[in-house]
């Protein structure tokens, strides 16, 4: 299966950059998500740090749900 995307770079530079770098963006989000989980699970955090990491994980998950891509992670 093939797909061809055509961009007018003068007007669509951002969309082009997103299409070209989408895998990098995906990998970075997944790495960040896993890092937060690792901090929460394996690091000796203070209660405040633990709460902050938990809130960050919850926020990230909510944003992924809102974007309709939470099932991809």
Protein backbone atom coordinates (compact mmCIF):
# COMPACT_ATOMS: atom_id res chain seq x y z
CA UNK A 1 0.00 0.00 0.00
CA UNK A 2 1.27 3.46 -0.86
CA UNK A 3 0.19 6.97 -0.01
CA UNK A 4 1.33 10.17 -1.63
CA UNK A 5 1.06 13.46 0.21
CA UNK A 6 1.46 16.73 -1.62
CA UNK A 7 2.29 19.95 0.20
CA UNK A 8 2.58 23.56 -0.87
CA UNK A 9 5.54 24.30 1.40
CA UNK A 10 4.92 28.02 1.23
CA UNK A 11 1.58 27.50 2.97
CA UNK A 12 1.83 24.01 4.48
CA UNK A 13 5.30 23.93 6.05
CA UNK A 14 3.98 23.01 9.50
CA UNK A 15 1.84 20.17 8.16
CA UNK A 16 4.79 18.93 6.11
CA UNK A 17 7.10 18.99 9.15
CA UNK A 18 4.51 17.07 11.18
CA UNK A 19 4.12 14.45 8.45
CA UNK A 20 7.87 14.01 8.00
CA UNK A 21 8.69 13.95 11.72
CA UNK A 22 5.60 12.17 13.05
CA UNK A 23 7.49 9.05 14.11
CA UNK A 24 9.99 11.16 16.03
CA UNK A 25 7.16 12.99 17.79
CA UNK A 26 5.44 9.70 18.62
CA UNK A 27 8.67 8.18 19.96
CA UNK A 28 9.39 11.24 22.10
CA UNK A 29 5.91 11.24 23.65
CA UNK A 30 6.18 7.51 24.37
CA UNK A 31 9.66 7.91 25.88
CA UNK A 32 8.42 10.75 28.09
CA UNK A 33 5.40 8.69 29.19
CA UNK A 34 7.64 5.73 30.06
CA UNK A 35 10.11 7.99 31.88
CA UNK A 36 7.35 9.41 34.07
CA UNK A 37 6.17 5.88 34.87
CA UNK A 38 9.72 4.84 35.72
CA UNK A 39 10.16 7.83 38.03
CA UNK A 40 6.92 7.03 39.81
CA UNK A 41 7.64 3.32 40.12
CA UNK A 42 11.38 3.01 40.73
CA UNK A 43 12.68 6.29 42.15
CA UNK A 44 12.75 7.23 45.80
CA UNK A 45 10.61 10.36 45.53
CA UNK A 46 9.30 12.66 48.19
CA UNK A 47 5.52 12.71 48.54
CA UNK A 48 5.39 16.04 46.70
CA UNK A 49 7.54 14.75 43.85
CA UNK A 50 5.46 11.59 43.62
CA UNK A 51 2.26 13.67 43.46
CA UNK A 52 3.74 15.94 40.78
CA UNK A 53 4.85 13.01 38.60
CA UNK A 54 1.40 11.47 39.01
CA UNK A 55 -0.26 14.72 37.96
CA UNK A 56 2.02 14.96 34.93
CA UNK A 57 1.13 11.39 33.91
CA UNK A 58 -2.58 12.14 34.35
CA UNK A 59 -2.27 15.34 32.30
CA UNK A 60 -0.40 13.60 29.50
CA UNK A 61 -2.97 10.80 29.39
CA UNK A 62 -5.84 13.32 29.32
CA UNK A 63 -4.20 15.20 26.45
CA UNK A 64 -3.68 11.97 24.51
CA UNK A 65 -7.34 11.08 25.09
CA UNK A 66 -8.44 14.53 23.98
CA UNK A 67 -6.34 14.20 20.82
CA UNK A 68 -7.87 10.79 20.16
CA UNK A 69 -4.54 8.98 20.22
CA UNK A 70 -4.38 7.50 23.75
CA UNK A 71 -4.94 4.02 22.34
CA UNK A 72 -1.70 4.35 20.35
CA UNK A 73 0.42 4.33 23.51
